[in-house]
Amino acid sequence: MDKKTGIRNIQISDEVVAKIASTAALEVEGVSSAAGKATSSISELLGVKNQPKMAKISRENGETAVDLDIAVDADARIHEVAAEVQKRVKNAVETMTGIEVIEINVNVLGLAVKQKSEDED
């Protein structure tokens, strides 16, 4: 994405936008991981390799859309978690990059059941 600043163009790669979107999604309470695979927002921010792709960025005619594949906690209210993910991802991407996001699609591909600890038995 090119942005005119008056002096030069600024280009922000789709990969950077995807990392911002993924990080924002993982910070929402009730989001367990990227489509059931373990991830963490810290490792995502640090750019650790071998992270599963959670966000896909699509750009067409100057419009940007984000598709997210997530897993949620089994006891979460899925529609509320998904709505909060949409809100936070839109805010994070637009605030950090200046890119307007016109669409955020959240695909819930898994449920994470928390393991009982020995203390809960």
N, C-alpha and C. Protein backbone atom coordinates (compact mmCIF):
# COMPACT_ATOMS: atom_id res chain seq x y z
N MET A 1 0.85 -1.18 0.00
CA MET A 1 0.00 0.00 0.00
C MET A 1 0.89 1.23 0.00
N ASP A 2 0.65 2.15 -0.92
CA ASP A 2 1.40 3.40 -0.98
C ASP A 2 0.60 4.49 -0.28
N LYS A 3 1.27 5.27 0.51
CA LYS A 3 0.66 6.44 1.16
C LYS A 3 1.48 7.65 0.77
N LYS A 4 0.83 8.72 0.37
CA LYS A 4 1.52 9.98 0.05
C LYS A 4 1.64 10.79 1.34
N THR A 5 2.87 11.19 1.67
CA THR A 5 3.09 11.98 2.88
C THR A 5 3.53 13.39 2.54
N GLY A 6 3.59 13.71 1.26
CA GLY A 6 4.06 15.02 0.86
C GLY A 6 5.53 15.02 0.52
N ILE A 7 6.28 14.11 1.10
CA ILE A 7 7.71 14.03 0.84
C ILE A 7 8.01 12.80 -0.01
N ARG A 8 7.55 11.65 0.42
CA ARG A 8 7.78 10.38 -0.28
C ARG A 8 6.61 9.44 -0.04
N ASN A 9 6.62 8.35 -0.75
CA ASN A 9 5.62 7.30 -0.54
C ASN A 9 6.04 6.40 0.60
N ILE A 10 5.06 5.88 1.30
CA ILE A 10 5.29 4.88 2.34
C ILE A 10 4.58 3.62 1.90
N GLN A 11 5.29 2.51 1.89
CA GLN A 11 4.70 1.23 1.52
C GLN A 11 4.65 0.33 2.73
N ILE A 12 3.48 -0.23 2.99
CA ILE A 12 3.30 -1.16 4.10
C ILE A 12 2.88 -2.49 3.50
N SER A 13 3.68 -3.52 3.72
CA SER A 13 3.41 -4.82 3.10
C SER A 13 2.17 -5.48 3.70
N ASP A 14 1.57 -6.36 2.92
CA ASP A 14 0.43 -7.13 3.40
C ASP A 14 0.81 -7.98 4.60
N GLU A 15 2.06 -8.45 4.64
CA GLU A 15 2.53 -9.27 5.75
C GLU A 15 2.51 -8.46 7.06
N VAL A 16 2.92 -7.21 7.00
CA VAL A 16 2.91 -6.35 8.19
C VAL A 16 1.47 -6.11 8.64
N VAL A 17 0.58 -5.82 7.71
CA VAL A 17 -0.83 -5.60 8.04
C VAL A 17 -1.41 -6.87 8.65
N ALA A 18 -1.07 -8.03 8.10
CA ALA A 18 -1.55 -9.30 8.64
C ALA A 18 -1.06 -9.53 10.07
N LYS A 19 0.20 -9.18 10.35
CA LYS A 19 0.73 -9.34 11.71
C LYS A 19 0.00 -8.43 12.69
N ILE A 20 -0.29 -7.21 12.27
CA ILE A 20 -1.03 -6.28 13.13
C ILE A 20 -2.42 -6.85 13.41
N ALA A 21 -3.09 -7.35 12.37
CA ALA A 21 -4.43 -7.91 12.53
C ALA A 21 -4.42 -9.14 13.42
N SER A 22 -3.44 -10.02 13.23
CA SER A 22 -3.34 -11.23 14.04
C SER A 22 -3.09 -10.91 15.51
N THR A 23 -2.20 -9.98 15.74
CA THR A 23 -1.88 -9.58 17.12
C THR A 23 -3.10 -9.01 17.81
N ALA A 24 -3.82 -8.14 17.11
CA ALA A 24 -5.03 -7.54 17.69
C ALA A 24 -6.07 -8.61 17.99
N ALA A 25 -6.24 -9.57 17.10
CA ALA A 25 -7.22 -10.64 17.31
C ALA A 25 -6.86 -11.50 18.51
N LEU A 26 -5.58 -11.83 18.65
CA LEU A 26 -5.14 -12.68 19.76
C LEU A 26 -5.26 -12.01 21.12
N GLU A 27 -5.38 -10.70 21.13
CA GLU A 27 -5.52 -9.97 22.39
C GLU A 27 -6.97 -9.94 22.88
N VAL A 28 -7.90 -10.41 22.08
CA VAL A 28 -9.31 -10.42 22.47
C VAL A 28 -9.56 -11.62 23.39
N GLU A 29 -10.20 -11.34 24.53
CA GLU A 29 -10.52 -12.42 25.46
C GLU A 29 -11.47 -13.40 24.80
N GLY A 30 -11.13 -14.68 24.89
CA GLY A 30 -11.94 -15.72 24.28
C GLY A 30 -11.33 -16.27 23.01
N VAL A 31 -10.38 -15.52 22.41
CA VAL A 31 -9.68 -16.04 21.24
C VAL A 31 -8.56 -16.93 21.77
N SER A 32 -8.57 -18.16 21.33
CA SER A 32 -7.60 -19.12 21.83
C SER A 32 -6.34 -19.13 20.99
N SER A 33 -6.49 -19.17 19.68
CA SER A 33 -5.32 -19.25 18.81
C SER A 33 -5.73 -19.07 17.37
N ALA A 34 -4.76 -19.24 16.50
CA ALA A 34 -5.01 -19.19 15.07
C ALA A 34 -5.48 -20.56 14.62
N ALA A 35 -6.75 -20.69 14.37
CA ALA A 35 -7.34 -21.92 13.86
C ALA A 35 -6.89 -23.16 14.62
N GLY A 36 -6.81 -23.05 15.95
CA GLY A 36 -6.51 -24.19 16.78
C GLY A 36 -5.05 -24.50 16.99
N LYS A 37 -4.16 -23.72 16.39
CA LYS A 37 -2.72 -23.95 16.59
C LYS A 37 -2.21 -22.92 17.58
N ALA A 38 -1.27 -23.32 18.41
CA ALA A 38 -0.77 -22.43 19.46
C ALA A 38 0.01 -21.27 18.85
N THR A 39 -0.38 -20.06 19.26
CA THR A 39 0.36 -18.85 18.89
C THR A 39 0.34 -17.93 20.09
N SER A 40 1.16 -16.91 20.04
CA SER A 40 1.10 -15.90 21.08
C SER A 40 1.35 -14.56 20.45
N SER A 41 0.70 -13.53 20.99
CA SER A 41 0.87 -12.20 20.43
C SER A 41 2.31 -11.72 20.57
N ILE A 42 3.01 -12.15 21.60
CA ILE A 42 4.40 -11.73 21.79
C ILE A 42 5.27 -12.29 20.67
N SER A 43 5.15 -13.58 20.41
CA SER A 43 5.96 -14.15 19.34
C SER A 43 5.56 -13.58 17.99
N GLU A 44 4.29 -13.29 17.81
CA GLU A 44 3.84 -12.68 16.55
C GLU A 44 4.46 -11.29 16.39
N LEU A 45 4.48 -10.51 17.45
CA LEU A 45 5.08 -9.18 17.38
C LEU A 45 6.57 -9.25 17.09
N LEU A 46 7.23 -10.26 17.64
CA LEU A 46 8.66 -10.40 17.44
C LEU A 46 9.00 -11.01 16.08
N GLY A 47 7.98 -11.42 15.34
CA GLY A 47 8.20 -11.97 14.02
C GLY A 47 8.81 -13.35 14.03
N VAL A 48 8.51 -14.14 15.06
CA VAL A 48 9.05 -15.49 15.15
C VAL A 48 8.55 -16.31 13.96
N LYS A 49 9.45 -17.05 13.34
CA LYS A 49 9.12 -17.86 12.17
C LYS A 49 8.24 -19.05 12.58
N ASN A 50 7.65 -19.68 11.58
CA ASN A 50 6.82 -20.87 11.73
C ASN A 50 5.50 -20.60 12.45
N GLN A 51 5.08 -19.35 12.48
CA GLN A 51 3.77 -19.05 13.04
C GLN A 51 2.72 -19.39 11.99
N PRO A 52 1.61 -20.00 12.40
CA PRO A 52 0.55 -20.26 11.44
C PRO A 52 -0.03 -18.93 10.94
N LYS A 53 -0.44 -18.92 9.69
CA LYS A 53 -1.05 -17.71 9.13
C LYS A 53 -2.47 -17.61 9.66
N MET A 54 -2.77 -16.50 10.27
CA MET A 54 -4.07 -16.29 10.87
C MET A 54 -4.88 -15.28 10.06
N ALA A 55 -4.19 -14.33 9.44
CA ALA A 55 -4.87 -13.26 8.73
C ALA A 55 -4.42 -13.24 7.27
N LYS A 56 -5.38 -12.99 6.41
CA LYS A 56 -5.09 -12.81 4.99
C LYS A 56 -5.60 -11.44 4.60
N ILE A 57 -4.77 -10.68 3.92
CA ILE A 57 -5.11 -9.32 3.50
C ILE A 57 -5.43 -9.33 2.01
N SER A 58 -6.54 -8.70 1.66
CA SER A 58 -6.92 -8.57 0.25
C SER A 58 -7.08 -7.09 -0.06
N ARG A 59 -6.46 -6.68 -1.16
CA ARG A 59 -6.56 -5.28 -1.58
C ARG A 59 -7.01 -5.24 -3.03
N GLU A 60 -8.03 -4.42 -3.27
CA GLU A 60 -8.53 -4.27 -4.62
C GLU A 60 -9.12 -2.87 -4.78
N ASN A 61 -8.69 -2.18 -5.81
CA ASN A 61 -9.17 -0.82 -6.09
C ASN A 61 -9.03 0.10 -4.88
N GLY A 62 -7.93 -0.03 -4.17
CA GLY A 62 -7.67 0.84 -3.02
C GLY A 62 -8.45 0.48 -1.76
N GLU A 63 -9.18 -0.64 -1.79
CA GLU A 63 -9.93 -1.08 -0.62
C GLU A 63 -9.25 -2.29 0.00
N THR A 64 -9.24 -2.33 1.33
CA THR A 64 -8.55 -3.40 2.05
C THR A 64 -9.55 -4.21 2.86
N ALA A 65 -9.43 -5.54 2.75
CA ALA A 65 -10.25 -6.46 3.53
C ALA A 65 -9.33 -7.41 4.28
N VAL A 66 -9.79 -7.86 5.44
CA VAL A 66 -9.03 -8.78 6.27
C VAL A 66 -9.88 -10.02 6.51
N ASP A 67 -9.30 -11.20 6.27
CA ASP A 67 -9.93 -12.47 6.61
C ASP A 67 -9.10 -13.10 7.72
N LEU A 68 -9.77 -13.47 8.82
CA LEU A 68 -9.09 -14.05 9.98
C LEU A 68 -9.63 -15.44 10.25
N ASP A 69 -8.72 -16.38 10.49
CA ASP A 69 -9.08 -17.74 10.91
C ASP A 69 -8.66 -17.88 12.36
N ILE A 70 -9.65 -18.11 13.23
CA ILE A 70 -9.37 -18.18 14.66
C ILE A 70 -10.00 -19.41 15.29
N ALA A 71 -9.53 -19.73 16.48
CA ALA A 71 -10.17 -20.69 17.37
C ALA A 71 -10.56 -19.91 18.62
N VAL A 72 -11.67 -20.29 19.21
CA VAL A 72 -12.13 -19.60 20.41
C VAL A 72 -12.26 -20.60 21.55
N ASP A 73 -12.24 -20.06 22.75
CA ASP A 73 -12.44 -20.90 23.93
C ASP A 73 -13.84 -21.50 23.88
N ALA A 74 -13.96 -22.75 24.26
CA ALA A 74 -15.23 -23.47 24.17
C ALA A 74 -16.33 -22.82 25.01
N ASP A 75 -15.96 -22.12 26.06
CA ASP A 75 -16.97 -21.50 26.91
C ASP A 75 -17.28 -20.04 26.52
N ALA A 76 -16.72 -19.59 25.41
CA ALA A 76 -16.93 -18.20 24.98
C ALA A 76 -18.22 -18.06 24.18
N ARG A 77 -18.75 -16.84 24.17
CA ARG A 77 -19.89 -16.51 23.32
C ARG A 77 -19.31 -16.12 21.97
N ILE A 78 -19.39 -17.03 21.02
CA ILE A 78 -18.69 -16.89 19.76
C ILE A 78 -19.03 -15.59 19.04
N HIS A 79 -20.31 -15.24 18.96
CA HIS A 79 -20.69 -14.02 18.24
C HIS A 79 -20.13 -12.76 18.90
N GLU A 80 -20.05 -12.75 20.22
CA GLU A 80 -19.48 -11.59 20.92
C GLU A 80 -17.97 -11.51 20.71
N VAL A 81 -17.30 -12.66 20.76
CA VAL A 81 -15.86 -12.69 20.54
C VAL A 81 -15.55 -12.23 19.12
N ALA A 82 -16.27 -12.75 18.14
CA ALA A 82 -16.04 -12.39 16.74
C ALA A 82 -16.27 -10.89 16.49
N ALA A 83 -17.31 -10.34 17.10
CA ALA A 83 -17.59 -8.91 16.94
C ALA A 83 -16.47 -8.06 17.55
N GLU A 84 -15.97 -8.48 18.70
CA GLU A 84 -14.87 -7.76 19.35
C GLU A 84 -13.59 -7.87 18.52
N VAL A 85 -13.35 -9.03 17.93
CA VAL A 85 -12.19 -9.20 17.04
C VAL A 85 -12.29 -8.23 15.88
N GLN A 86 -13.45 -8.14 15.25
CA GLN A 86 -13.63 -7.21 14.13
C GLN A 86 -13.33 -5.77 14.55
N LYS A 87 -13.86 -5.39 15.68
CA LYS A 87 -13.67 -4.02 16.18
C LYS A 87 -12.19 -3.73 16.46
N ARG A 88 -11.53 -4.63 17.16
CA ARG A 88 -10.13 -4.39 17.54
C ARG A 88 -9.18 -4.45 16.35
N VAL A 89 -9.42 -5.36 15.44
CA VAL A 89 -8.57 -5.48 14.25
C VAL A 89 -8.71 -4.22 13.40
N LYS A 90 -9.92 -3.78 13.17
CA LYS A 90 -10.14 -2.56 12.38
C LYS A 90 -9.41 -1.38 13.02
N ASN A 91 -9.58 -1.22 14.32
CA ASN A 91 -8.94 -0.11 15.03
C ASN A 91 -7.41 -0.20 14.95
N ALA A 92 -6.87 -1.39 15.19
CA ALA A 92 -5.41 -1.55 15.20
C ALA A 92 -4.81 -1.28 13.83
N VAL A 93 -5.38 -1.86 12.79
CA VAL A 93 -4.83 -1.68 11.44
C VAL A 93 -4.94 -0.23 11.01
N GLU A 94 -6.10 0.38 11.22
CA GLU A 94 -6.29 1.76 10.78
C GLU A 94 -5.43 2.74 11.59
N THR A 95 -5.30 2.51 12.88
CA THR A 95 -4.50 3.39 13.73
C THR A 95 -3.01 3.28 13.41
N MET A 96 -2.53 2.07 13.26
CA MET A 96 -1.09 1.85 13.06
C MET A 96 -0.62 2.14 11.64
N THR A 97 -1.49 1.95 10.65
CA THR A 97 -1.05 2.07 9.26
C THR A 97 -1.68 3.23 8.50
N GLY A 98 -2.84 3.69 8.94
CA GLY A 98 -3.56 4.70 8.18
C GLY A 98 -4.34 4.11 7.02
N ILE A 99 -4.34 2.78 6.89
CA ILE A 99 -5.07 2.10 5.83
C ILE A 99 -6.50 1.87 6.28
N GLU A 100 -7.47 2.29 5.46
CA GLU A 100 -8.87 2.08 5.79
C GLU A 100 -9.25 0.63 5.50
N VAL A 101 -9.85 -0.03 6.49
CA VAL A 101 -10.29 -1.41 6.34
C VAL A 101 -11.80 -1.39 6.13
N ILE A 102 -12.25 -1.92 4.99
CA ILE A 102 -13.68 -1.87 4.68
C ILE A 102 -14.42 -3.13 5.09
N GLU A 103 -13.67 -4.21 5.32
CA GLU A 103 -14.33 -5.48 5.62
C GLU A 103 -13.41 -6.36 6.47
N ILE A 104 -13.98 -6.98 7.51
CA ILE A 104 -13.24 -7.94 8.33
C ILE A 104 -14.11 -9.17 8.48
N ASN A 105 -13.63 -10.28 7.92
CA ASN A 105 -14.35 -11.54 8.00
C ASN A 105 -13.67 -12.44 9.02
N VAL A 106 -14.42 -12.90 10.00
CA VAL A 106 -13.88 -13.77 11.04
C VAL A 106 -14.42 -15.17 10.81
N ASN A 107 -13.52 -16.10 10.59
CA ASN A 107 -13.87 -17.50 10.40
C ASN A 107 -13.46 -18.27 11.65
N VAL A 108 -14.44 -18.78 12.40
CA VAL A 108 -14.14 -19.56 13.60
C VAL A 108 -14.00 -21.01 13.15
N LEU A 109 -12.77 -21.50 13.19
CA LEU A 109 -12.46 -22.83 12.68
C LEU A 109 -12.25 -23.88 13.76
N GLY A 110 -12.30 -23.45 15.02
CA GLY A 110 -12.09 -24.42 16.09
C GLY A 110 -12.50 -23.89 17.44
N LEU A 111 -12.70 -24.83 18.36
CA LEU A 111 -12.98 -24.52 19.75
C LEU A 111 -11.87 -25.12 20.60
N ALA A 112 -11.40 -24.37 21.55
CA ALA A 112 -10.35 -24.83 22.45
C ALA A 112 -10.97 -25.17 23.80
N VAL A 113 -10.83 -26.40 24.18
CA VAL A 113 -11.32 -26.85 25.48
C VAL A 113 -10.16 -26.78 26.45
N LYS A 114 -10.35 -26.03 27.52
CA LYS A 114 -9.28 -25.89 28.51
C LYS A 114 -9.12 -27.18 29.29
N GLN A 115 -7.87 -27.57 29.49
CA GLN A 115 -7.56 -28.76 30.28
C GLN A 115 -7.77 -28.46 31.74
N LYS A 116 -8.34 -29.41 32.47
CA LYS A 116 -8.49 -29.27 33.90
C LYS A 116 -7.13 -29.45 34.56
N SER A 117 -6.83 -28.55 35.48
CA SER A 117 -5.60 -28.74 36.23
C SER A 117 -5.88 -29.70 37.39
N GLU A 118 -4.82 -30.21 37.98
CA GLU A 118 -4.98 -31.15 39.10
C GLU A 118 -5.65 -30.48 40.30
N ASP A 119 -5.52 -29.15 40.42
CA ASP A 119 -6.13 -28.42 41.53
C ASP A 119 -7.66 -28.40 41.41
N GLU A 120 -8.18 -28.52 40.18
CA GLU A 120 -9.63 -28.44 39.96
C GLU A 120 -10.32 -29.75 40.22
N ASP A 121 -9.59 -30.84 40.34
CA ASP A 121 -10.22 -32.17 40.55
C ASP A 121 -10.78 -32.32 41.92
